[in-house]
C-alpha atoms as a PDB file:
ATOM      1  CA  MET A   1     -54.808 -83.981  11.857  1.00  0.00           C
ATOM      2  CA  GLN A   2     -55.128 -80.320  10.904  1.00  0.00           C
ATOM      3  CA  HIS A   3     -56.693 -79.687  14.315  1.00  0.00           C
ATOM      4  CA  LEU A   4     -53.752 -81.356  16.068  1.00  0.00           C
ATOM      5  CA  TYR A   5     -51.325 -79.130  14.175  1.00  0.00           C
ATOM      6  CA  GLN A   6     -53.201 -76.084  15.430  1.00  0.00           C
ATOM      7  CA  ILE A   7     -53.327 -77.365  19.012  1.00  0.00           C
ATOM      8  CA  PHE A   8     -49.543 -77.691  19.168  1.00  0.00           C
ATOM      9  CA  GLY A   9     -48.756 -74.666  17.001  1.00  0.00           C
ATOM     10  CA  VAL A  10     -47.073 -76.746  14.293  1.00  0.00           C
ATOM     11  CA  ASN A  11     -46.345 -75.165  10.917  1.00  0.00           C
ATOM     12  CA  ASN A  12     -47.838 -77.495   8.286  1.00  0.00           C
ATOM     13  CA  GLN A  13     -47.875 -75.150   5.316  1.00  0.00           C
ATOM     14  CA  ASP A  14     -45.811 -77.437   3.114  1.00  0.00           C
ATOM     15  CA  ALA A  15     -44.618 -81.018   2.965  1.00  0.00           C
ATOM     16  CA  THR A  16     -41.067 -80.115   3.984  1.00  0.00           C
ATOM     17  CA  GLU A  17     -42.249 -78.588   7.265  1.00  0.00           C
ATOM     18  CA  ARG A  18     -44.404 -81.624   8.023  1.00  0.00           C
ATOM     19  CA  ASP A  19     -41.556 -84.008   7.212  1.00  0.00           C
ATOM     20  CA  THR A  20     -39.258 -82.052   9.525  1.00  0.00           C
ATOM     21  CA  PHE A  21     -41.811 -82.251  12.310  1.00  0.00           C
ATOM     22  CA  TYR A  22     -42.346 -86.014  11.988  1.00  0.00           C
ATOM     23  CA  ALA A  23     -38.621 -86.735  11.664  1.00  0.00           C
ATOM     24  CA  ALA A  24     -37.914 -84.725  14.812  1.00  0.00           C
ATOM     25  CA  MET A  25     -40.770 -86.457  16.638  1.00  0.00           C
ATOM     26  CA  LYS A  26     -39.372 -89.860  15.720  1.00  0.00           C
ATOM     27  CA  ASP A  27     -35.939 -88.727  16.879  1.00  0.00           C
ATOM     28  CA  GLY A  28     -37.371 -87.575  20.199  1.00  0.00           C
ATOM     29  CA  MET A  29     -39.106 -90.904  20.730  1.00  0.00           C
ATOM     30  CA  GLN A  30     -35.873 -92.778  20.093  1.00  0.00           C
ATOM     31  CA  VAL A  31     -33.878 -90.529  22.429  1.00  0.00           C
ATOM     32  CA  ILE A  32     -36.223 -90.890  25.395  1.00  0.00           C
ATOM     33  CA  PHE A  33     -37.230 -94.512  24.847  1.00  0.00           C
ATOM     34  CA  PRO A  34     -34.361 -95.957  26.983  1.00  0.00           C
ATOM     35  CA  THR A  35     -35.754 -94.030  29.959  1.00  0.00           C
ATOM     36  CA  ALA A  36     -39.280 -95.438  29.563  1.00  0.00           C
ATOM     37  CA  PRO A  37     -38.635 -98.375  31.959  1.00  0.00           C
ATOM     38  CA  ALA A  38     -37.627 -95.926  34.718  1.00  0.00           C
ATOM     39  CA  THR A  39     -40.768 -93.879  34.116  1.00  0.00           C
ATOM     40  CA  MET A  40     -42.936 -96.992  34.222  1.00  0.00           C
ATOM     41  CA  ILE A  41     -41.306 -98.126  37.466  1.00  0.00           C
ATOM     42  CA  TRP A  42     -41.984 -94.748  39.053  1.00  0.00           C
ATOM     43  CA  ALA A  43     -45.585 -94.996  37.905  1.00  0.00           C
ATOM     44  CA  VAL A  44     -45.960 -98.516  39.316  1.00  0.00           C
ATOM     45  CA  VAL A  45     -44.494 -97.393  42.661  1.00  0.00           C
ATOM     46  CA  THR A  46     -46.799 -94.379  42.778  1.00  0.00           C
ATOM     47  CA  ALA A  47     -49.927 -96.335  41.877  1.00  0.00           C
ATOM     48  CA  VAL A  48     -49.154 -99.137  44.347  1.00  0.00           C
ATOM     49  CA  ALA A  49     -48.551 -96.601  47.129  1.00  0.00           C
ATOM     50  CA  MET A  50     -51.834 -94.823  46.398  1.00  0.00           C
ATOM     51  CA  VAL A  51     -53.837 -98.058  46.349  1.00  0.00           C
ATOM     52  CA  ALA A  52     -52.136 -99.242  49.553  1.00  0.00           C
ATOM     53  CA  ALA A  53     -53.150 -95.947  51.171  1.00  0.00           C
ATOM     54  CA  GLY A  54     -56.795 -96.821  50.551  1.00  0.00           C
ATOM     55  CA  MET A  55     -57.552 -94.907  47.353  1.00  0.00           C
ATOM     56  CA  SER A  56     -59.853 -96.514  44.799  1.00  0.00           C
ATOM     57  CA  PRO A  57     -58.333 -97.709  41.497  1.00  0.00           C
ATOM     58  CA  THR A  58     -60.474 -95.234  39.548  1.00  0.00           C
ATOM     59  CA  TYR A  59     -59.281 -92.325  41.675  1.00  0.00           C
ATOM     60  CA  VAL A  60     -55.672 -93.462  41.315  1.00  0.00           C
ATOM     61  CA  LEU A  61     -55.900 -93.660  37.514  1.00  0.00           C
ATOM     62  CA  LEU A  62     -57.640 -90.296  37.199  1.00  0.00           C
ATOM     63  CA  THR A  63     -55.155 -88.623  39.536  1.00  0.00           C
ATOM     64  CA  ASN A  64     -52.189 -89.948  37.595  1.00  0.00           C
ATOM     65  CA  LEU A  65     -53.819 -88.947  34.324  1.00  0.00           C
ATOM     66  CA  PHE A  66     -54.478 -85.332  35.281  1.00  0.00           C
ATOM     67  CA  VAL A  67     -51.889 -84.603  37.982  1.00  0.00           C
ATOM     68  CA  TYR A  68     -48.971 -86.404  36.328  1.00  0.00           C
ATOM     69  CA  ALA A  69     -46.411 -85.548  39.027  1.00  0.00           C
ATOM     70  CA  ALA A  70     -44.874 -88.523  40.811  1.00  0.00           C
ATOM     71  CA  SER A  71     -42.675 -86.681  43.309  1.00  0.00           C
ATOM     72  CA  ALA A  72     -45.460 -84.376  44.445  1.00  0.00           C
ATOM     73  CA  GLN A  73     -47.987 -87.216  44.620  1.00  0.00           C
ATOM     74  CA  LEU A  74     -45.741 -89.427  46.739  1.00  0.00           C
ATOM     75  CA  THR A  75     -44.747 -86.530  48.985  1.00  0.00           C
ATOM     76  CA  VAL A  76     -48.340 -85.461  49.569  1.00  0.00           C
ATOM     77  CA  LEU A  77     -49.489 -89.060  50.036  1.00  0.00           C
ATOM     78  CA  SER A  78     -46.908 -89.807  52.728  1.00  0.00           C
ATOM     79  CA  MET A  79     -47.765 -86.595  54.552  1.00  0.00           C
ATOM     80  CA  LEU A  80     -51.501 -87.328  54.371  1.00  0.00           C
ATOM     81  CA  ILE A  81     -50.870 -90.746  55.918  1.00  0.00           C
ATOM     82  CA  LEU A  82     -48.935 -89.047  58.716  1.00  0.00           C
ATOM     83  CA  HIS A  83     -51.847 -86.580  59.201  1.00  0.00           C
ATOM     84  CA  ALA A  84     -49.639 -83.577  58.562  1.00  0.00           C
ATOM     85  CA  PRO A  85     -51.299 -80.137  58.683  1.00  0.00           C
ATOM     86  CA  LEU A  86     -52.758 -79.069  55.343  1.00  0.00           C
ATOM     87  CA  PRO A  87     -50.657 -75.889  55.076  1.00  0.00           C
ATOM     88  CA  ILE A  88     -47.511 -78.020  55.420  1.00  0.00           C
ATOM     89  CA  ILE A  89     -48.802 -80.408  52.740  1.00  0.00           C
ATOM     90  CA  TRP A  90     -49.558 -77.535  50.359  1.00  0.00           C
ATOM     91  CA  LEU A  91     -46.122 -76.061  50.979  1.00  0.00           C
ATOM     92  CA  ALA A  92     -44.468 -79.428  50.395  1.00  0.00           C
ATOM     93  CA  ALA A  93     -46.269 -79.934  47.071  1.00  0.00           C
ATOM     94  CA  ALA A  94     -45.364 -76.411  45.968  1.00  0.00           C
ATOM     95  CA  VAL A  95     -41.697 -76.729  46.867  1.00  0.00           C
ATOM     96  CA  VAL A  96     -41.329 -80.184  45.330  1.00  0.00           C
ATOM     97  CA  ASN A  97     -42.730 -78.803  42.073  1.00  0.00           C
ATOM     98  CA  LEU A  98     -40.599 -75.663  42.127  1.00  0.00           C
ATOM     99  CA  ARG A  99     -38.200 -77.392  39.768  1.00  0.00           C
ATOM    100  CA  PHE A 100     -40.800 -77.000  37.033  1.00  0.00           C
ATOM    101  CA  VAL A 101     -40.403 -73.241  37.339  1.00  0.00           C
ATOM    102  CA  ILE A 102     -36.746 -73.739  36.440  1.00  0.00           C
ATOM    103  CA  PHE A 103     -37.660 -76.122  33.605  1.00  0.00           C
ATOM    104  CA  SER A 104     -40.178 -73.625  32.262  1.00  0.00           C
ATOM    105  CA  ALA A 105     -37.678 -70.781  32.433  1.00  0.00           C
ATOM    106  CA  ALA A 106     -35.218 -72.825  30.362  1.00  0.00           C
ATOM    107  CA  LEU A 107     -37.890 -73.616  27.755  1.00  0.00           C
ATOM    108  CA  LYS A 108     -39.444 -70.144  27.701  1.00  0.00           C
ATOM    109  CA  PRO A 109     -37.353 -68.786  24.787  1.00  0.00           C
ATOM    110  CA  TYR A 110     -38.615 -71.617  22.592  1.00  0.00           C
ATOM    111  CA  PHE A 111     -42.333 -71.559  23.377  1.00  0.00           C
ATOM    112  CA  ARG A 112     -43.175 -68.047  24.603  1.00  0.00           C
ATOM    113  CA  HIS A 113     -44.396 -66.964  21.145  1.00  0.00           C
ATOM    114  CA  LEU A 114     -47.202 -69.556  21.195  1.00  0.00           C
ATOM    115  CA  LYS A 115     -50.752 -68.983  22.377  1.00  0.00           C
ATOM    116  CA  LEU A 116     -51.484 -69.394  26.076  1.00  0.00           C
ATOM    117  CA  SER A 117     -53.468 -72.596  25.477  1.00  0.00           C
ATOM    118  CA  GLN A 118     -50.571 -74.074  23.501  1.00  0.00           C
ATOM    119  CA  ARG A 119     -48.025 -73.083  26.151  1.00  0.00           C
ATOM    120  CA  MET A 120     -50.180 -74.675  28.840  1.00  0.00           C
ATOM    121  CA  LEU A 121     -50.343 -77.913  26.844  1.00  0.00           C
ATOM    122  CA  TYR A 122     -46.590 -78.031  26.366  1.00  0.00           C
ATOM    123  CA  GLY A 123     -46.203 -77.203  30.052  1.00  0.00           C
ATOM    124  CA  PHE A 124     -48.481 -80.047  31.091  1.00  0.00           C
ATOM    125  CA  LEU A 125     -46.509 -82.512  28.957  1.00  0.00           C
ATOM    126  CA  ASN A 126     -43.212 -81.220  30.308  1.00  0.00           C
ATOM    127  CA  GLY A 127     -41.347 -83.410  32.772  1.00  0.00           C
ATOM    128  CA  ASP A 128     -37.989 -83.941  34.404  1.00  0.00           C
ATOM    129  CA  ILE A 129     -36.598 -86.247  31.733  1.00  0.00           C
ATOM    130  CA  ASN A 130     -37.861 -84.684  28.511  1.00  0.00           C
ATOM    131  CA  SER A 131     -37.047 -81.163  29.732  1.00  0.00           C
ATOM    132  CA  MET A 132     -33.503 -82.159  30.586  1.00  0.00           C
ATOM    133  CA  LEU A 133     -32.970 -84.023  27.315  1.00  0.00           C
ATOM    134  CA  PHE A 134     -34.447 -81.165  25.289  1.00  0.00           C
ATOM    135  CA  ASN A 135     -32.093 -78.617  26.839  1.00  0.00           C
ATOM    136  CA  PHE A 136     -29.186 -81.023  26.478  1.00  0.00           C
ATOM    137  CA  ARG A 137     -29.936 -81.481  22.758  1.00  0.00           C
ATOM    138  CA  TYR A 138     -30.031 -77.737  22.021  1.00  0.00           C
ATOM    139  CA  ARG A 139     -27.483 -76.574  24.600  1.00  0.00           C
ATOM    140  CA  ASN A 140     -25.072 -75.387  21.883  1.00  0.00           C
ATOM    141  CA  GLN A 141     -27.658 -73.303  20.033  1.00  0.00           C
ATOM    142  CA  THR A 142     -28.907 -69.837  20.752  1.00  0.00           C
ATOM    143  CA  ALA A 143     -32.427 -70.232  22.136  1.00  0.00           C
ATOM    144  CA  GLY A 144     -35.163 -68.775  19.955  1.00  0.00           C
ATOM    145  CA  PRO A 145     -38.761 -69.379  18.817  1.00  0.00           C
ATOM    146  CA  ALA A 146     -39.342 -73.099  18.435  1.00  0.00           C
ATOM    147  CA  THR A 147     -39.283 -74.471  14.902  1.00  0.00           C
ATOM    148  CA  ASN A 148     -41.041 -77.622  13.755  1.00  0.00           C
ATOM    149  CA  GLU A 149     -37.895 -79.487  14.684  1.00  0.00           C
ATOM    150  CA  HIS A 150     -37.996 -78.257  18.277  1.00  0.00           C
ATOM    151  CA  LYS A 151     -41.714 -78.946  18.620  1.00  0.00           C
ATOM    152  CA  GLY A 152     -41.475 -82.399  17.078  1.00  0.00           C
ATOM    153  CA  PHE A 153     -38.493 -83.411  19.222  1.00  0.00           C
ATOM    154  CA  PHE A 154     -40.172 -82.180  22.391  1.00  0.00           C
ATOM    155  CA  LEU A 155     -43.526 -83.814  21.612  1.00  0.00           C
ATOM    156  CA  GLY A 156     -41.909 -87.101  20.615  1.00  0.00           C
ATOM    157  CA  MET A 157     -40.245 -87.326  24.022  1.00  0.00           C
ATOM    158  CA  ALA A 158     -43.279 -86.019  25.890  1.00  0.00           C
ATOM    159  CA  LEU A 159     -45.704 -88.508  24.348  1.00  0.00           C
ATOM    160  CA  VAL A 160     -43.450 -91.490  25.099  1.00  0.00           C
ATOM    161  CA  ASN A 161     -42.933 -90.292  28.666  1.00  0.00           C
ATOM    162  CA  PHE A 162     -46.645 -89.676  29.238  1.00  0.00           C
ATOM    163  CA  SER A 163     -47.624 -93.044  27.713  1.00  0.00           C
ATOM    164  CA  ALA A 164     -45.040 -94.922  29.782  1.00  0.00           C
ATOM    165  CA  TRP A 165     -46.364 -93.223  32.914  1.00  0.00           C
ATOM    166  CA  GLN A 166     -49.971 -94.192  32.229  1.00  0.00           C
ATOM    167  CA  ILE A 167     -49.046 -97.782  31.361  1.00  0.00           C
ATOM    168  CA  GLY A 168     -47.084 -98.066  34.601  1.00  0.00           C
ATOM    169  CA  CYS A 169     -50.033 -96.691  36.563  1.00  0.00           C
ATOM    170  CA  VAL A 170     -52.373 -99.292  35.075  1.00  0.00           C
ATOM    171  CA  ILE A 171     -49.891-102.046  35.932  1.00  0.00           C
ATOM    172  CA  GLY A 172     -49.563-100.726  39.471  1.00  0.00           C
ATOM    173  CA  VAL A 173     -53.334-100.649  39.974  1.00  0.00           C
ATOM    174  CA  LEU A 174     -53.866-104.122  38.511  1.00  0.00           C
ATOM    175  CA  PHE A 175     -51.097-105.780  40.519  1.00  0.00           C
ATOM    176  CA  ALA A 176     -51.053-103.604  43.658  1.00  0.00           C
ATOM    177  CA  SER A 177     -52.014-106.557  45.830  1.00  0.00           C
ATOM    178  CA  VAL A 178     -49.233-108.829  44.580  1.00  0.00           C
ATOM    179  CA  ILE A 179     -46.275-106.437  44.133  1.00  0.00           C
ATOM    180  CA  PRO A 180     -44.178-106.599  47.335  1.00  0.00           C
ATOM    181  CA  ALA A 181     -42.629-103.397  48.639  1.00  0.00           C
ATOM    182  CA  THR A 182     -39.367-105.295  49.197  1.00  0.00           C
ATOM    183  CA  TRP A 183     -38.739-105.353  45.437  1.00  0.00           C
ATOM    184  CA  GLY A 184     -37.163-101.935  45.754  1.00  0.00           C
ATOM    185  CA  LEU A 185     -38.745-100.596  42.576  1.00  0.00           C
ATOM    186  CA  GLU A 186     -38.473 -97.011  43.807  1.00  0.00           C
ATOM    187  CA  LEU A 187     -34.728 -97.382  44.304  1.00  0.00           C
ATOM    188  CA  ALA A 188     -34.346 -98.891  40.827  1.00  0.00           C
ATOM    189  CA  ALA A 189     -36.162 -95.953  39.277  1.00  0.00           C
ATOM    190  CA  ALA A 190     -34.125 -93.441  41.276  1.00  0.00           C
ATOM    191  CA  LEU A 191     -30.843 -95.031  40.160  1.00  0.00           C
ATOM    192  CA  THR A 192     -31.971 -94.985  36.529  1.00  0.00           C
ATOM    193  CA  LEU A 193     -32.911 -91.323  36.712  1.00  0.00           C
ATOM    194  CA  LEU A 194     -29.644 -90.538  38.489  1.00  0.00           C
ATOM    195  CA  VAL A 195     -27.752 -91.506  35.323  1.00  0.00           C
ATOM    196  CA  LEU A 196     -29.728 -88.901  33.370  1.00  0.00           C
ATOM    197  CA  ILE A 197     -29.074 -86.230  35.977  1.00  0.00           C
ATOM    198  CA  ILE A 198     -25.324 -86.876  35.850  1.00  0.00           C
ATOM    199  CA  LYS A 199     -25.426 -86.682  32.060  1.00  0.00           C
ATOM    200  CA  GLY A 200     -27.164 -83.313  32.148  1.00  0.00           C
ATOM    201  CA  VAL A 201     -24.867 -81.622  34.682  1.00  0.00           C
ATOM    202  CA  GLU A 202     -22.415 -79.420  32.778  1.00  0.00           C
ATOM    203  CA  HIS A 203     -21.798 -76.611  35.244  1.00  0.00           C
ATOM    204  CA  TRP A 204     -20.072 -76.669  38.617  1.00  0.00           C
ATOM    205  CA  ALA A 205     -23.207 -75.048  40.009  1.00  0.00           C
ATOM    206  CA  GLY A 206     -25.132 -78.210  39.181  1.00  0.00           C
ATOM    207  CA  VAL A 207     -22.493 -80.398  40.798  1.00  0.00           C
ATOM    208  CA  ALA A 208     -22.546 -78.311  43.969  1.00  0.00           C
ATOM    209  CA  GLY A 209     -26.360 -78.169  44.046  1.00  0.00           C
ATOM    210  CA  CYS A 210     -26.698 -81.931  43.675  1.00  0.00           C
ATOM    211  CA  ALA A 211     -24.048 -82.582  46.325  1.00  0.00           C
ATOM    212  CA  VAL A 212     -25.575 -80.192  48.850  1.00  0.00           C
ATOM    213  CA  ALA A 213     -29.092 -81.525  48.250  1.00  0.00           C
ATOM    214  CA  ALA A 214     -27.917 -85.137  48.672  1.00  0.00           C
ATOM    215  CA  VAL A 215     -25.963 -84.461  51.872  1.00  0.00           C
ATOM    216  CA  THR A 216     -28.817 -82.394  53.312  1.00  0.00           C
ATOM    217  CA  ALA A 217     -31.351 -85.127  52.569  1.00  0.00           C
ATOM    218  CA  VAL A 218     -29.219 -87.788  54.240  1.00  0.00           C
ATOM    219  CA  LEU A 219     -28.451 -85.720  57.341  1.00  0.00           C
ATOM    220  CA  LEU A 220     -32.045 -84.605  57.906  1.00  0.00           C
ATOM    221  CA  GLN A 221     -33.818 -87.956  57.451  1.00  0.00           C
ATOM    222  CA  SER A 222     -35.180 -87.723  60.976  1.00  0.00           C
ATOM    223  CA  MET A 223     -37.251 -84.588  60.276  1.00  0.00           C
ATOM    224  CA  PRO A 224     -41.019 -85.096  60.727  1.00  0.00           C
ATOM    225  CA  TYR A 225     -43.426 -85.247  57.777  1.00  0.00           C
ATOM    226  CA  LYS A 226     -40.485 -85.814  55.425  1.00  0.00           C
ATOM    227  CA  LEU A 227     -39.626 -82.138  55.569  1.00  0.00           C
ATOM    228  CA  TRP A 228     -36.087 -83.124  54.642  1.00  0.00           C
ATOM    229  CA  VAL A 229     -37.330 -83.192  51.033  1.00  0.00           C
ATOM    230  CA  LEU A 230     -38.211 -79.495  51.188  1.00  0.00           C
ATOM    231  CA  VAL A 231     -35.014 -78.469  52.957  1.00  0.00           C
ATOM    232  CA  ALA A 232     -32.813 -80.487  50.574  1.00  0.00           C
ATOM    233  CA  ILE A 233     -34.424 -78.955  47.488  1.00  0.00           C
ATOM    234  CA  ILE A 234     -34.171 -75.422  48.836  1.00  0.00           C
ATOM    235  CA  ALA A 235     -30.554 -75.898  49.901  1.00  0.00           C
ATOM    236  CA  GLY A 236     -29.518 -77.466  46.595  1.00  0.00           C
ATOM    237  CA  VAL A 237     -31.198 -74.829  44.427  1.00  0.00           C
ATOM    238  CA  ALA A 238     -29.862 -71.971  46.572  1.00  0.00           C
ATOM    239  CA  VAL A 239     -26.281 -73.226  46.390  1.00  0.00           C
ATOM    240  CA  ALA A 240     -26.524 -73.844  42.634  1.00  0.00           C
ATOM    241  CA  LEU A 241     -27.865 -70.349  41.979  1.00  0.00           C
ATOM    242  CA  ILE A 242     -25.182 -68.713  44.125  1.00  0.00           C
ATOM    243  CA  ILE A 243     -22.331 -70.587  42.442  1.00  0.00           C
ATOM    244  CA  GLU A 244     -23.712 -69.975  38.954  1.00  0.00           C
ATOM    245  CA  THR A 245     -23.913 -66.261  39.766  1.00  0.00           C
ATOM    246  CA  VAL A 246     -20.363 -66.115  41.117  1.00  0.00           C
ATOM    247  CA  PHE A 247     -18.884 -68.400  38.418  1.00  0.00           C
ATOM    248  CA  PRO A 248     -21.059 -67.931  35.306  1.00  0.00           C
ATOM    249  CA  ASN A 249     -18.455 -69.565  33.066  1.00  0.00           C
ATOM    250  CA  GLY A 250     -17.831 -72.571  35.274  1.00  0.00           C
ATOM    251  CA  TYR A 251     -18.763 -75.224  32.717  1.00  0.00           C
ATOM    252  CA  LEU A 252     -17.235 -78.668  33.074  1.00  0.00           C
ATOM    253  CA  LYS A 253     -16.334 -78.621  29.387  1.00  0.00           C
ATOM    254  CA  SER A 254     -16.120 -75.998  26.695  1.00  0.00           C
ATOM    255  CA  LYS A 255     -19.507 -74.779  25.576  1.00  0.00           C
ATOM    256  CA  LYS A 256     -19.648 -73.355  22.089  1.00  0.00           C
ATOM    257  CA  VAL A 257     -22.806 -71.485  21.203  1.00  0.00           C
ATOM    258  CA  ALA A 258     -23.893 -71.781  17.609  1.00  0.00           C
ATOM    259  CA  PRO A 259     -26.788 -69.676  16.387  1.00  0.00           C
ATOM    260  CA  ILE A 260     -29.812 -71.418  14.918  1.00  0.00           C
ATOM    261  CA  GLU A 261     -29.816 -71.004  11.177  1.00  0.00           C
ATOM    262  CA  GLU A 262     -32.787 -69.159   9.793  1.00  0.00           C
ATOM    263  CA  GLY A 263     -35.441 -71.494   8.516  1.00  0.00           C
ATOM    264  CA  VAL A 264     -34.250 -74.509  10.487  1.00  0.00           C
END
């Protein structure tokens, strides 16, 4: 256990610090648990698609274990099936994962004081849902070096999310031959995640970015190699950044910033 504390940079000098860490971890697990079904569905869809494309079950499980990026995996897989040029595939994977640059920038004030190995571990466990919920939880606090509460809350969410993903992948591999594509599992997962996105949008920049990305994706469905994904992401992010720059105080509701008390 001492080794695990060191791996994640957790302060375990006294019982109070450890209790804070475990309480925050339990809280994080409870907060993200309702989203676990959506994560599992995404994992099932991804695993089924990979098996249907001719990949071996072992390769599918190892890829999902170490890559852990559904959107990029599905994007790359569809483009490989269409025999898209490799440079286009690399560009697609990079652009689809650009959102993690934004996630990392939002989390940087909390984890930048940790060792590189610890930051890489937190980065690997980061994801769309837990990143959004973490920032939503501490949106009214001044960002600073992560305490045991921050680390526990983040890890509690991350571990549930990662476990749900791996369980879904195993289910997808085991039942790939009997799960019909007409079930619409991908749509169900997308609708579930959409609720979380709406919950996390507090600035008009986010509203505009989501709207532009959605309209762009619908209008450009006919683009080859699913390039509409790239264009929609770029358009949405660009519009959101422009509006946030022009209207920095354009929050949908009042946002009071309370500093983090020392020692919390």
